[in-house]
Amino acid sequence: MPYPASILRGGVRVYAIIETGGKQYKVAEGDIITVEKLGVEAGQEYAFDKVLVLAKDDDITVGAPYVAGAKVSASVIGDGKAKKVVVYKYKSKKGFHKKKGHRQPFTKLQIQKISL
């Protein structure tokens, strides 16, 4: 697929760029994304109101900074943790070594509807 986040639905390409957790995601209906952990239980609905760009066919609406009235609805699939990232510090010739691991929590979502 040349545009994995832009799914063709009936000849109309509909996608949005949303902001959550300090990051931006390009999403289309049916996409499954992982975002920074949200305080929502699995099976519930979540709505993103920070929509930066909304595109439908050739009509593109760009917000300043957000598109007024735009909303992206998603259902929560579940929570999880990413693979472990190992942080290793050392200082040469001093005998200083410190090893620490971190697993970043995330929430997995499926995009249900993009509306203006």
PDB file of N, CA and C in Angstrom:
ATOM      1  N   MET A   1       0.836  -1.184   0.000  1.00  0.00           N
ATOM      2  CA  MET A   1       0.000   0.000   0.000  1.00  0.00           C
ATOM      3  C   MET A   1       0.876   1.240   0.000  1.00  0.00           C
ATOM      4  N   PRO A   2       0.677   2.135  -0.946  1.00  0.00           N
ATOM      5  CA  PRO A   2       1.523   3.329  -0.976  1.00  0.00           C
ATOM      6  C   PRO A   2       1.233   4.297   0.163  1.00  0.00           C
ATOM      7  N   TYR A   3      -0.007   4.389   0.620  1.00  0.00           N
ATOM      8  CA  TYR A   3      -0.370   5.262   1.729  1.00  0.00           C
ATOM      9  C   TYR A   3      -1.010   4.417   2.826  1.00  0.00           C
ATOM     10  N   PRO A   4      -0.213   3.886   3.770  1.00  0.00           N
ATOM     11  CA  PRO A   4      -0.787   2.984   4.767  1.00  0.00           C
ATOM     12  C   PRO A   4      -1.818   3.644   5.668  1.00  0.00           C
ATOM     13  N   ALA A   5      -1.682   4.944   5.969  1.00  0.00           N
ATOM     14  CA  ALA A   5      -2.639   5.604   6.857  1.00  0.00           C
ATOM     15  C   ALA A   5      -3.809   6.198   6.086  1.00  0.00           C
ATOM     16  N   SER A   6      -3.706   6.281   4.758  1.00  0.00           N
ATOM     17  CA  SER A   6      -4.776   6.853   3.944  1.00  0.00           C
ATOM     18  C   SER A   6      -5.454   5.747   3.165  1.00  0.00           C
ATOM     19  N   ILE A   7      -6.551   5.284   3.672  1.00  0.00           N
ATOM     20  CA  ILE A   7      -7.260   4.174   3.053  1.00  0.00           C
ATOM     21  C   ILE A   7      -8.297   4.721   2.087  1.00  0.00           C
ATOM     22  N   LEU A   8      -8.362   4.144   0.901  1.00  0.00           N
ATOM     23  CA  LEU A   8      -9.355   4.582  -0.076  1.00  0.00           C
ATOM     24  C   LEU A   8     -10.697   3.965   0.275  1.00  0.00           C
ATOM     25  N   ARG A   9     -11.675   4.806   0.532  1.00  0.00           N
ATOM     26  CA  ARG A   9     -13.012   4.333   0.882  1.00  0.00           C
ATOM     27  C   ARG A   9     -13.984   4.913  -0.141  1.00  0.00           C
ATOM     28  N   GLY A  10     -14.417   4.091  -1.057  1.00  0.00           N
ATOM     29  CA  GLY A  10     -15.374   4.532  -2.060  1.00  0.00           C
ATOM     30  C   GLY A  10     -14.815   5.616  -2.964  1.00  0.00           C
ATOM     31  N   GLY A  11     -13.520   5.576  -3.228  1.00  0.00           N
ATOM     32  CA  GLY A  11     -12.902   6.557  -4.097  1.00  0.00           C
ATOM     33  C   GLY A  11     -12.548   7.858  -3.397  1.00  0.00           C
ATOM     34  N   VAL A  12     -12.803   7.960  -2.096  1.00  0.00           N
ATOM     35  CA  VAL A  12     -12.509   9.185  -1.353  1.00  0.00           C
ATOM     36  C   VAL A  12     -11.452   8.867  -0.299  1.00  0.00           C
ATOM     37  N   ARG A  13     -10.340   9.611  -0.351  1.00  0.00           N
ATOM     38  CA  ARG A  13      -9.289   9.408   0.638  1.00  0.00           C
ATOM     39  C   ARG A  13      -9.529  10.366   1.796  1.00  0.00           C
ATOM     40  N   VAL A  14      -9.826   9.824   2.965  1.00  0.00           N
ATOM     41  CA  VAL A  14     -10.112  10.616   4.152  1.00  0.00           C
ATOM     42  C   VAL A  14      -9.047  10.301   5.199  1.00  0.00           C
ATOM     43  N   TYR A  15      -8.379  11.344   5.668  1.00  0.00           N
ATOM     44  CA  TYR A  15      -7.420  11.149   6.737  1.00  0.00           C
ATOM     45  C   TYR A  15      -7.346  12.406   7.591  1.00  0.00           C
ATOM     46  N   ALA A  16      -6.747  12.251   8.754  1.00  0.00           N
ATOM     47  CA  ALA A  16      -6.577  13.372   9.668  1.00  0.00           C
ATOM     48  C   ALA A  16      -5.211  13.252  10.324  1.00  0.00           C
ATOM     49  N   ILE A  17      -4.684  14.388  10.754  1.00  0.00           N
ATOM     50  CA  ILE A  17      -3.459  14.405  11.529  1.00  0.00           C
ATOM     51  C   ILE A  17      -3.844  14.890  12.917  1.00  0.00           C
ATOM     52  N   ILE A  18      -3.628  14.015  13.911  1.00  0.00           N
ATOM     53  CA  ILE A  18      -4.023  14.329  15.284  1.00  0.00           C
ATOM     54  C   ILE A  18      -2.782  14.499  16.143  1.00  0.00           C
ATOM     55  N   GLU A  19      -2.979  15.145  17.280  1.00  0.00           N
ATOM     56  CA  GLU A  19      -1.886  15.346  18.223  1.00  0.00           C
ATOM     57  C   GLU A  19      -2.279  14.733  19.562  1.00  0.00           C
ATOM     58  N   THR A  20      -1.397  13.893  20.103  1.00  0.00           N
ATOM     59  CA  THR A  20      -1.601  13.317  21.425  1.00  0.00           C
ATOM     60  C   THR A  20      -0.258  12.894  21.991  1.00  0.00           C
ATOM     61  N   GLY A  21      -0.074  13.130  23.258  1.00  0.00           N
ATOM     62  CA  GLY A  21       1.170  12.735  23.914  1.00  0.00           C
ATOM     63  C   GLY A  21       2.390  13.452  23.385  1.00  0.00           C
ATOM     64  N   GLY A  22       2.222  14.665  22.854  1.00  0.00           N
ATOM     65  CA  GLY A  22       3.349  15.420  22.321  1.00  0.00           C
ATOM     66  C   GLY A  22       3.809  14.945  20.960  1.00  0.00           C
ATOM     67  N   LYS A  23       3.054  14.058  20.321  1.00  0.00           N
ATOM     68  CA  LYS A  23       3.411  13.540  19.003  1.00  0.00           C
ATOM     69  C   LYS A  23       2.240  13.729  18.048  1.00  0.00           C
ATOM     70  N   GLN A  24       2.512  13.631  16.757  1.00  0.00           N
ATOM     71  CA  GLN A  24       1.478  13.767  15.739  1.00  0.00           C
ATOM     72  C   GLN A  24       1.352  12.453  14.975  1.00  0.00           C
ATOM     73  N   TYR A  25       0.108  12.069  14.653  1.00  0.00           N
ATOM     74  CA  TYR A  25      -0.169  10.813  13.963  1.00  0.00           C
ATOM     75  C   TYR A  25      -1.091  11.068  12.788  1.00  0.00           C
ATOM     76  N   LYS A  26      -0.772  10.481  11.637  1.00  0.00           N
ATOM     77  CA  LYS A  26      -1.651  10.537  10.468  1.00  0.00           C
ATOM     78  C   LYS A  26      -2.521   9.292  10.518  1.00  0.00           C
ATOM     79  N   VAL A  27      -3.845   9.489  10.596  1.00  0.00           N
ATOM     80  CA  VAL A  27      -4.759   8.364  10.788  1.00  0.00           C
ATOM     81  C   VAL A  27      -5.885   8.403   9.764  1.00  0.00           C
ATOM     82  N   ALA A  28      -6.425   7.233   9.476  1.00  0.00           N
ATOM     83  CA  ALA A  28      -7.607   7.071   8.631  1.00  0.00           C
ATOM     84  C   ALA A  28      -8.523   6.080   9.337  1.00  0.00           C
ATOM     85  N   GLU A  29      -9.772   6.016   8.909  1.00  0.00           N
ATOM     86  CA  GLU A  29     -10.725   5.097   9.531  1.00  0.00           C
ATOM     87  C   GLU A  29     -10.248   3.663   9.369  1.00  0.00           C
ATOM     88  N   GLY A  30     -10.287   2.907  10.460  1.00  0.00           N
ATOM     89  CA  GLY A  30      -9.863   1.516  10.432  1.00  0.00           C
ATOM     90  C   GLY A  30      -8.417   1.296  10.841  1.00  0.00           C
ATOM     91  N   ASP A  31      -7.618   2.349  10.930  1.00  0.00           N
ATOM     92  CA  ASP A  31      -6.215   2.202  11.317  1.00  0.00           C
ATOM     93  C   ASP A  31      -6.093   1.791  12.778  1.00  0.00           C
ATOM     94  N   ILE A  32      -5.043   1.046  13.072  1.00  0.00           N
ATOM     95  CA  ILE A  32      -4.707   0.690  14.440  1.00  0.00           C
ATOM     96  C   ILE A  32      -3.392   1.384  14.767  1.00  0.00           C
ATOM     97  N   ILE A  33      -3.402   2.207  15.821  1.00  0.00           N
ATOM     98  CA  ILE A  33      -2.213   2.962  16.191  1.00  0.00           C
ATOM     99  C   ILE A  33      -1.883   2.727  17.658  1.00  0.00           C
ATOM    100  N   THR A  34      -0.628   2.943  18.014  1.00  0.00           N
ATOM    101  CA  THR A  34      -0.210   2.909  19.409  1.00  0.00           C
ATOM    102  C   THR A  34       0.242   4.306  19.787  1.00  0.00           C
ATOM    103  N   VAL A  35      -0.305   4.821  20.885  1.00  0.00           N
ATOM    104  CA  VAL A  35      -0.002   6.171  21.349  1.00  0.00           C
ATOM    105  C   VAL A  35       0.501   6.092  22.787  1.00  0.00           C
ATOM    106  N   GLU A  36       0.986   7.214  23.308  1.00  0.00           N
ATOM    107  CA  GLU A  36       1.390   7.273  24.703  1.00  0.00           C
ATOM    108  C   GLU A  36       0.201   6.859  25.563  1.00  0.00           C
ATOM    109  N   LYS A  37       0.475   6.265  26.715  1.00  0.00           N
ATOM    110  CA  LYS A  37      -0.588   5.680  27.536  1.00  0.00           C
ATOM    111  C   LYS A  37      -1.660   6.698  27.909  1.00  0.00           C
ATOM    112  N   LEU A  38      -2.918   6.303  27.667  1.00  0.00           N
ATOM    113  CA  LEU A  38      -4.087   7.097  28.039  1.00  0.00           C
ATOM    114  C   LEU A  38      -4.763   6.395  29.217  1.00  0.00           C
ATOM    115  N   GLY A  39      -5.401   7.158  30.074  1.00  0.00           N
ATOM    116  CA  GLY A  39      -6.069   6.561  31.229  1.00  0.00           C
ATOM    117  C   GLY A  39      -7.457   6.061  30.900  1.00  0.00           C
ATOM    118  N   VAL A  40      -7.565   5.140  29.930  1.00  0.00           N
ATOM    119  CA  VAL A  40      -8.855   4.638  29.468  1.00  0.00           C
ATOM    120  C   VAL A  40      -8.808   3.114  29.468  1.00  0.00           C
ATOM    121  N   GLU A  41      -9.892   2.498  29.896  1.00  0.00           N
ATOM    122  CA  GLU A  41      -9.987   1.036  29.926  1.00  0.00           C
ATOM    123  C   GLU A  41     -10.212   0.471  28.522  1.00  0.00           C
ATOM    124  N   ALA A  42      -9.854  -0.793  28.329  1.00  0.00           N
ATOM    125  CA  ALA A  42     -10.059  -1.471  27.052  1.00  0.00           C
ATOM    126  C   ALA A  42     -11.553  -1.595  26.757  1.00  0.00           C
ATOM    127  N   GLY A  43     -11.932  -1.376  25.510  1.00  0.00           N
ATOM    128  CA  GLY A  43     -13.326  -1.475  25.093  1.00  0.00           C
ATOM    129  C   GLY A  43     -14.073  -0.155  25.112  1.00  0.00           C
ATOM    130  N   GLN A  44     -13.512   0.861  25.736  1.00  0.00           N
ATOM    131  CA  GLN A  44     -14.175   2.162  25.783  1.00  0.00           C
ATOM    132  C   GLN A  44     -13.847   2.993  24.549  1.00  0.00           C
ATOM    133  N   GLU A  45     -14.614   4.055  24.371  1.00  0.00           N
ATOM    134  CA  GLU A  45     -14.380   4.993  23.267  1.00  0.00           C
ATOM    135  C   GLU A  45     -13.525   6.152  23.758  1.00  0.00           C
ATOM    136  N   TYR A  46     -12.717   6.715  22.852  1.00  0.00           N
ATOM    137  CA  TYR A  46     -11.896   7.882  23.157  1.00  0.00           C
ATOM    138  C   TYR A  46     -11.977   8.822  21.965  1.00  0.00           C
ATOM    139  N   ALA A  47     -12.108  10.114  22.234  1.00  0.00           N
ATOM    140  CA  ALA A  47     -12.241  11.105  21.157  1.00  0.00           C
ATOM    141  C   ALA A  47     -11.064  12.070  21.199  1.00  0.00           C
ATOM    142  N   PHE A  48     -10.436  12.270  20.063  1.00  0.00           N
ATOM    143  CA  PHE A  48      -9.360  13.241  19.916  1.00  0.00           C
ATOM    144  C   PHE A  48      -9.952  14.525  19.349  1.00  0.00           C
ATOM    145  N   ASP A  49      -9.775  15.644  20.063  1.00  0.00           N
ATOM    146  CA  ASP A  49     -10.272  16.914  19.551  1.00  0.00           C
ATOM    147  C   ASP A  49      -9.140  17.808  19.054  1.00  0.00           C
ATOM    148  N   LYS A  50      -7.891  17.395  19.275  1.00  0.00           N
ATOM    149  CA  LYS A  50      -6.747  18.146  18.768  1.00  0.00           C
ATOM    150  C   LYS A  50      -6.407  17.644  17.362  1.00  0.00           C
ATOM    151  N   VAL A  51      -7.198  18.082  16.390  1.00  0.00           N
ATOM    152  CA  VAL A  51      -7.016  17.683  14.997  1.00  0.00           C
ATOM    153  C   VAL A  51      -6.312  18.827  14.283  1.00  0.00           C
ATOM    154  N   LEU A  52      -5.118  18.557  13.754  1.00  0.00           N
ATOM    155  CA  LEU A  52      -4.320  19.585  13.096  1.00  0.00           C
ATOM    156  C   LEU A  52      -4.708  19.766  11.634  1.00  0.00           C
ATOM    157  N   VAL A  53      -4.953  18.651  10.934  1.00  0.00           N
ATOM    158  CA  VAL A  53      -5.298  18.670   9.508  1.00  0.00           C
ATOM    159  C   VAL A  53      -6.405  17.661   9.272  1.00  0.00           C
ATOM    160  N   LEU A  54      -7.358  18.040   8.437  1.00  0.00           N
ATOM    161  CA  LEU A  54      -8.444  17.138   8.055  1.00  0.00           C
ATOM    162  C   LEU A  54      -8.542  17.169   6.532  1.00  0.00           C
ATOM    163  N   ALA A  55      -8.388  16.001   5.905  1.00  0.00           N
ATOM    164  CA  ALA A  55      -8.405  15.931   4.446  1.00  0.00           C
ATOM    165  C   ALA A  55      -9.476  14.956   3.985  1.00  0.00           C
ATOM    166  N   LYS A  56     -10.286  15.403   3.045  1.00  0.00           N
ATOM    167  CA  LYS A  56     -11.329  14.575   2.459  1.00  0.00           C
ATOM    168  C   LYS A  56     -11.276  14.808   0.961  1.00  0.00           C
ATOM    169  N   ASP A  57     -10.863  13.772   0.227  1.00  0.00           N
ATOM    170  CA  ASP A  57     -10.672  13.861  -1.216  1.00  0.00           C
ATOM    171  C   ASP A  57      -9.650  14.958  -1.520  1.00  0.00           C
ATOM    172  N   ASP A  58     -10.025  16.016  -2.224  1.00  0.00           N
ATOM    173  CA  ASP A  58      -9.093  17.106  -2.528  1.00  0.00           C
ATOM    174  C   ASP A  58      -9.292  18.305  -1.611  1.00  0.00           C
ATOM    175  N   ASP A  59     -10.219  18.218  -0.670  1.00  0.00           N
ATOM    176  CA  ASP A  59     -10.505  19.317   0.250  1.00  0.00           C
ATOM    177  C   ASP A  59      -9.686  19.131   1.521  1.00  0.00           C
ATOM    178  N   ILE A  60      -8.695  20.007   1.751  1.00  0.00           N
ATOM    179  CA  ILE A  60      -7.833  19.913   2.916  1.00  0.00           C
ATOM    180  C   ILE A  60      -8.089  21.112   3.820  1.00  0.00           C
ATOM    181  N   THR A  61      -8.383  20.831   5.098  1.00  0.00           N
ATOM    182  CA  THR A  61      -8.608  21.881   6.089  1.00  0.00           C
ATOM    183  C   THR A  61      -7.453  21.846   7.073  1.00  0.00           C
ATOM    184  N   VAL A  62      -6.756  22.980   7.186  1.00  0.00           N
ATOM    185  CA  VAL A  62      -5.622  23.087   8.094  1.00  0.00           C
ATOM    186  C   VAL A  62      -6.018  23.999   9.237  1.00  0.00           C
ATOM    187  N   GLY A  63      -5.788  23.554  10.462  1.00  0.00           N
ATOM    188  CA  GLY A  63      -6.158  24.337  11.631  1.00  0.00           C
ATOM    189  C   GLY A  63      -5.108  25.361  12.011  1.00  0.00           C
ATOM    190  N   ALA A  64      -5.499  26.278  12.887  1.00  0.00           N
ATOM    191  CA  ALA A  64      -4.577  27.286  13.371  1.00  0.00           C
ATOM    192  C   ALA A  64      -4.747  27.450  14.874  1.00  0.00           C
ATOM    193  N   PRO A  65      -4.253  26.635  15.751  1.00  0.00           N
ATOM    194  CA  PRO A  65      -3.472  25.428  15.478  1.00  0.00           C
ATOM    195  C   PRO A  65      -4.336  24.188  15.258  1.00  0.00           C
ATOM    196  N   TYR A  66      -5.621  24.212  15.677  1.00  0.00           N
ATOM    197  CA  TYR A  66      -6.476  23.029  15.524  1.00  0.00           C
ATOM    198  C   TYR A  66      -7.689  23.366  14.666  1.00  0.00           C
ATOM    199  N   VAL A  67      -8.238  22.346  14.001  1.00  0.00           N
ATOM    200  CA  VAL A  67      -9.443  22.511  13.179  1.00  0.00           C
ATOM    201  C   VAL A  67     -10.644  22.576  14.118  1.00  0.00           C
ATOM    202  N   ALA A  68     -11.409  23.670  14.025  1.00  0.00           N
ATOM    203  CA  ALA A  68     -12.560  23.863  14.911  1.00  0.00           C
ATOM    204  C   ALA A  68     -13.661  22.855  14.585  1.00  0.00           C
ATOM    205  N   GLY A  69     -14.149  22.174  15.613  1.00  0.00           N
ATOM    206  CA  GLY A  69     -15.250  21.236  15.454  1.00  0.00           C
ATOM    207  C   GLY A  69     -14.860  19.861  14.936  1.00  0.00           C
ATOM    208  N   ALA A  70     -13.604  19.640  14.602  1.00  0.00           N
ATOM    209  CA  ALA A  70     -13.176  18.339  14.090  1.00  0.00           C
ATOM    210  C   ALA A  70     -12.952  17.375  15.249  1.00  0.00           C
ATOM    211  N   LYS A  71     -13.281  16.106  14.990  1.00  0.00           N
ATOM    212  CA  LYS A  71     -13.171  15.092  16.031  1.00  0.00           C
ATOM    213  C   LYS A  71     -12.823  13.752  15.399  1.00  0.00           C
ATOM    214  N   VAL A  72     -11.932  13.019  16.046  1.00  0.00           N
ATOM    215  CA  VAL A  72     -11.569  11.671  15.615  1.00  0.00           C
ATOM    216  C   VAL A  72     -11.923  10.728  16.754  1.00  0.00           C
ATOM    217  N   SER A  73     -12.815   9.771  16.479  1.00  0.00           N
ATOM    218  CA  SER A  73     -13.248   8.806  17.489  1.00  0.00           C
ATOM    219  C   SER A  73     -12.490   7.500  17.316  1.00  0.00           C
ATOM    220  N   ALA A  74     -12.097   6.926  18.450  1.00  0.00           N
ATOM    221  CA  ALA A  74     -11.355   5.666  18.426  1.00  0.00           C
ATOM    222  C   ALA A  74     -11.828   4.774  19.557  1.00  0.00           C
ATOM    223  N   SER A  75     -11.700   3.464  19.355  1.00  0.00           N
ATOM    224  CA  SER A  75     -12.007   2.517  20.422  1.00  0.00           C
ATOM    225  C   SER A  75     -10.692   1.954  20.952  1.00  0.00           C
ATOM    226  N   VAL A  76     -10.621   1.780  22.249  1.00  0.00           N
ATOM    227  CA  VAL A  76      -9.402   1.319  22.903  1.00  0.00           C
ATOM    228  C   VAL A  76      -9.334  -0.200  22.817  1.00  0.00           C
ATOM    229  N   ILE A  77      -8.247  -0.704  22.252  1.00  0.00           N
ATOM    230  CA  ILE A  77      -8.035  -2.147  22.155  1.00  0.00           C
ATOM    231  C   ILE A  77      -7.413  -2.657  23.453  1.00  0.00           C
ATOM    232  N   GLY A  78      -6.434  -1.918  23.969  1.00  0.00           N
ATOM    233  CA  GLY A  78      -5.806  -2.332  25.221  1.00  0.00           C
ATOM    234  C   GLY A  78      -4.530  -1.562  25.494  1.00  0.00           C
ATOM    235  N   ASP A  79      -3.921  -1.867  26.630  1.00  0.00           N
ATOM    236  CA  ASP A  79      -2.663  -1.249  27.029  1.00  0.00           C
ATOM    237  C   ASP A  79      -1.544  -2.265  26.905  1.00  0.00           C
ATOM    238  N   GLY A  80      -0.319  -1.779  26.927  1.00  0.00           N
ATOM    239  CA  GLY A  80       0.836  -2.664  26.880  1.00  0.00           C
ATOM    240  C   GLY A  80       2.106  -1.905  27.173  1.00  0.00           C
ATOM    241  N   LYS A  81       3.220  -2.602  27.039  1.00  0.00           N
ATOM    242  CA  LYS A  81       4.527  -1.991  27.223  1.00  0.00           C
ATOM    243  C   LYS A  81       5.379  -2.314  26.010  1.00  0.00           C
ATOM    244  N   ALA A  82       6.192  -1.335  25.592  1.00  0.00           N
ATOM    245  CA  ALA A  82       7.079  -1.520  24.449  1.00  0.00           C
ATOM    246  C   ALA A  82       8.258  -2.401  24.857  1.00  0.00           C
ATOM    247  N   LYS A  83       9.097  -2.747  23.875  1.00  0.00           N
ATOM    248  CA  LYS A  83      10.282  -3.529  24.171  1.00  0.00           C
ATOM    249  C   LYS A  83      11.217  -2.740  25.082  1.00  0.00           C
ATOM    250  N   LYS A  84      12.008  -3.450  25.827  1.00  0.00           N
ATOM    251  CA  LYS A  84      12.902  -2.812  26.788  1.00  0.00           C
ATOM    252  C   LYS A  84      14.026  -2.055  26.073  1.00  0.00           C
ATOM    253  N   VAL A  85      14.271  -0.847  26.552  1.00  0.00           N
ATOM    254  CA  VAL A  85      15.391  -0.037  26.091  1.00  0.00           C
ATOM    255  C   VAL A  85      16.406  -0.040  27.222  1.00  0.00           C
ATOM    256  N   VAL A  86      17.638  -0.460  26.916  1.00  0.00           N
ATOM    257  CA  VAL A  86      18.683  -0.536  27.924  1.00  0.00           C
ATOM    258  C   VAL A  86      19.508   0.745  27.871  1.00  0.00           C
ATOM    259  N   VAL A  87      19.638   1.390  29.030  1.00  0.00           N
ATOM    260  CA  VAL A  87      20.466   2.584  29.150  1.00  0.00           C
ATOM    261  C   VAL A  87      21.706   2.173  29.928  1.00  0.00           C
ATOM    262  N   TYR A  88      22.867   2.309  29.298  1.00  0.00           N
ATOM    263  CA  TYR A  88      24.117   1.883  29.929  1.00  0.00           C
ATOM    264  C   TYR A  88      25.069   3.067  29.975  1.00  0.00           C
ATOM    265  N   LYS A  89      25.504   3.415  31.174  1.00  0.00           N
ATOM    266  CA  LYS A  89      26.443   4.519  31.357  1.00  0.00           C
ATOM    267  C   LYS A  89      27.745   3.967  31.916  1.00  0.00           C
ATOM    268  N   TYR A  90      28.855   4.528  31.457  1.00  0.00           N
ATOM    269  CA  TYR A  90      30.134   4.171  32.052  1.00  0.00           C
ATOM    270  C   TYR A  90      31.118   5.303  31.813  1.00  0.00           C
ATOM    271  N   LYS A  91      32.133   5.338  32.670  1.00  0.00           N
ATOM    272  CA  LYS A  91      33.211   6.309  32.513  1.00  0.00           C
ATOM    273  C   LYS A  91      34.508   5.519  32.407  1.00  0.00           C
ATOM    274  N   SER A  92      35.229   5.784  31.335  1.00  0.00           N
ATOM    275  CA  SER A  92      36.447   5.016  31.099  1.00  0.00           C
ATOM    276  C   SER A  92      37.496   5.302  32.177  1.00  0.00           C
ATOM    277  N   LYS A  93      38.194   4.270  32.530  1.00  0.00           N
ATOM    278  CA  LYS A  93      39.310   4.303  33.485  1.00  0.00           C
ATOM    279  C   LYS A  93      38.898   4.646  34.910  1.00  0.00           C
ATOM    280  N   LYS A  94      37.610   4.711  35.203  1.00  0.00           N
ATOM    281  CA  LYS A  94      37.143   5.057  36.548  1.00  0.00           C
ATOM    282  C   LYS A  94      36.408   3.908  37.233  1.00  0.00           C
ATOM    283  N   GLY A  95      36.064   2.878  36.496  1.00  0.00           N
ATOM    284  CA  GLY A  95      35.345   1.746  37.085  1.00  0.00           C
ATOM    285  C   GLY A  95      33.873   2.032  37.332  1.00  0.00           C
ATOM    286  N   PHE A  96      33.349   3.060  36.709  1.00  0.00           N
ATOM    287  CA  PHE A  96      31.943   3.433  36.887  1.00  0.00           C
ATOM    288  C   PHE A  96      31.098   2.789  35.798  1.00  0.00           C
ATOM    289  N   HIS A  97      30.130   1.965  36.212  1.00  0.00           N
ATOM    290  CA  HIS A  97      29.196   1.330  35.286  1.00  0.00           C
ATOM    291  C   HIS A  97      27.803   1.399  35.889  1.00  0.00           C
ATOM    292  N   LYS A  98      26.819   1.741  35.072  1.00  0.00           N
ATOM    293  CA  LYS A  98      25.435   1.779  35.546  1.00  0.00           C
ATOM    294  C   LYS A  98      24.547   1.289  34.411  1.00  0.00           C
ATOM    295  N   LYS A  99      23.734   0.272  34.681  1.00  0.00           N
ATOM    296  CA  LYS A  99      22.846  -0.300  33.678  1.00  0.00           C
ATOM    297  C   LYS A  99      21.412  -0.168  34.166  1.00  0.00           C
ATOM    298  N   LYS A 100      20.557   0.358  33.299  1.00  0.00           N
ATOM    299  CA  LYS A 100      19.164   0.580  33.671  1.00  0.00           C
ATOM    300  C   LYS A 100      18.282   0.252  32.466  1.00  0.00           C
ATOM    301  N   GLY A 101      17.117  -0.353  32.694  1.00  0.00           N
ATOM    302  CA  GLY A 101      16.184  -0.677  31.623  1.00  0.00           C
ATOM    303  C   GLY A 101      14.897   0.110  31.772  1.00  0.00           C
ATOM    304  N   HIS A 102      14.207   0.319  30.629  1.00  0.00           N
ATOM    305  CA  HIS A 102      12.944   1.062  30.649  1.00  0.00           C
ATOM    306  C   HIS A 102      12.002   0.482  29.599  1.00  0.00           C
ATOM    307  N   ARG A 103      10.747   0.284  29.978  1.00  0.00           N
ATOM    308  CA  ARG A 103       9.710  -0.152  29.038  1.00  0.00           C
ATOM    309  C   ARG A 103       8.620   0.900  29.042  1.00  0.00           C
ATOM    310  N   GLN A 104       8.422   1.557  27.893  1.00  0.00           N
ATOM    311  CA  GLN A 104       7.467   2.650  27.780  1.00  0.00           C
ATOM    312  C   GLN A 104       6.046   2.095  27.645  1.00  0.00           C
ATOM    313  N   PRO A 105       5.117   2.527  28.506  1.00  0.00           N
ATOM    314  CA  PRO A 105       3.727   2.072  28.382  1.00  0.00           C
ATOM    315  C   PRO A 105       3.026   2.747  27.207  1.00  0.00           C
ATOM    316  N   PHE A 106       2.097   2.013  26.571  1.00  0.00           N
ATOM    317  CA  PHE A 106       1.345   2.555  25.447  1.00  0.00           C
ATOM    318  C   PHE A 106      -0.099   2.087  25.502  1.00  0.00           C
ATOM    319  N   THR A 107      -0.935   2.748  24.700  1.00  0.00           N
ATOM    320  CA  THR A 107      -2.331   2.353  24.518  1.00  0.00           C
ATOM    321  C   THR A 107      -2.544   2.087  23.038  1.00  0.00           C
ATOM    322  N   LYS A 108      -3.157   0.969  22.714  1.00  0.00           N
ATOM    323  CA  LYS A 108      -3.442   0.614  21.325  1.00  0.00           C
ATOM    324  C   LYS A 108      -4.886   0.986  21.014  1.00  0.00           C
ATOM    325  N   LEU A 109      -5.089   1.722  19.898  1.00  0.00           N
ATOM    326  CA  LEU A 109      -6.405   2.229  19.514  1.00  0.00           C
ATOM    327  C   LEU A 109      -6.740   1.834  18.089  1.00  0.00           C
ATOM    328  N   GLN A 110      -8.046   1.698  17.814  1.00  0.00           N
ATOM    329  CA  GLN A 110      -8.508   1.533  16.440  1.00  0.00           C
ATOM    330  C   GLN A 110      -9.395   2.733  16.118  1.00  0.00           C
ATOM    331  N   ILE A 111      -9.051   3.414  15.025  1.00  0.00           N
ATOM    332  CA  ILE A 111      -9.780   4.620  14.616  1.00  0.00           C
ATOM    333  C   ILE A 111     -11.131   4.200  14.039  1.00  0.00           C
ATOM    334  N   GLN A 112     -12.219   4.776  14.594  1.00  0.00           N
ATOM    335  CA  GLN A 112     -13.559   4.430  14.169  1.00  0.00           C
ATOM    336  C   GLN A 112     -14.138   5.429  13.164  1.00  0.00           C
ATOM    337  N   LYS A 113     -14.067   6.730  13.502  1.00  0.00           N
ATOM    338  CA  LYS A 113     -14.733   7.733  12.681  1.00  0.00           C
ATOM    339  C   LYS A 113     -13.969   9.045  12.718  1.00  0.00           C
ATOM    340  N   ILE A 114     -13.907   9.698  11.558  1.00  0.00           N
ATOM    341  CA  ILE A 114     -13.322  11.035  11.424  1.00  0.00           C
ATOM    342  C   ILE A 114     -14.453  11.960  11.000  1.00  0.00           C
ATOM    343  N   SER A 115     -14.722  12.990  11.812  1.00  0.00           N
ATOM    344  CA  SER A 115     -15.841  13.875  11.501  1.00  0.00           C
ATOM    345  C   SER A 115     -15.450  15.335  11.688  1.00  0.00           C
ATOM    346  N   LEU A 116     -16.168  16.210  11.009  1.00  0.00           N
ATOM    347  CA  LEU A 116     -15.941  17.645  11.113  1.00  0.00           C
ATOM    348  C   LEU A 116     -17.089  18.311  11.834  1.00  0.00           C
TER     349      LEU A 116
END
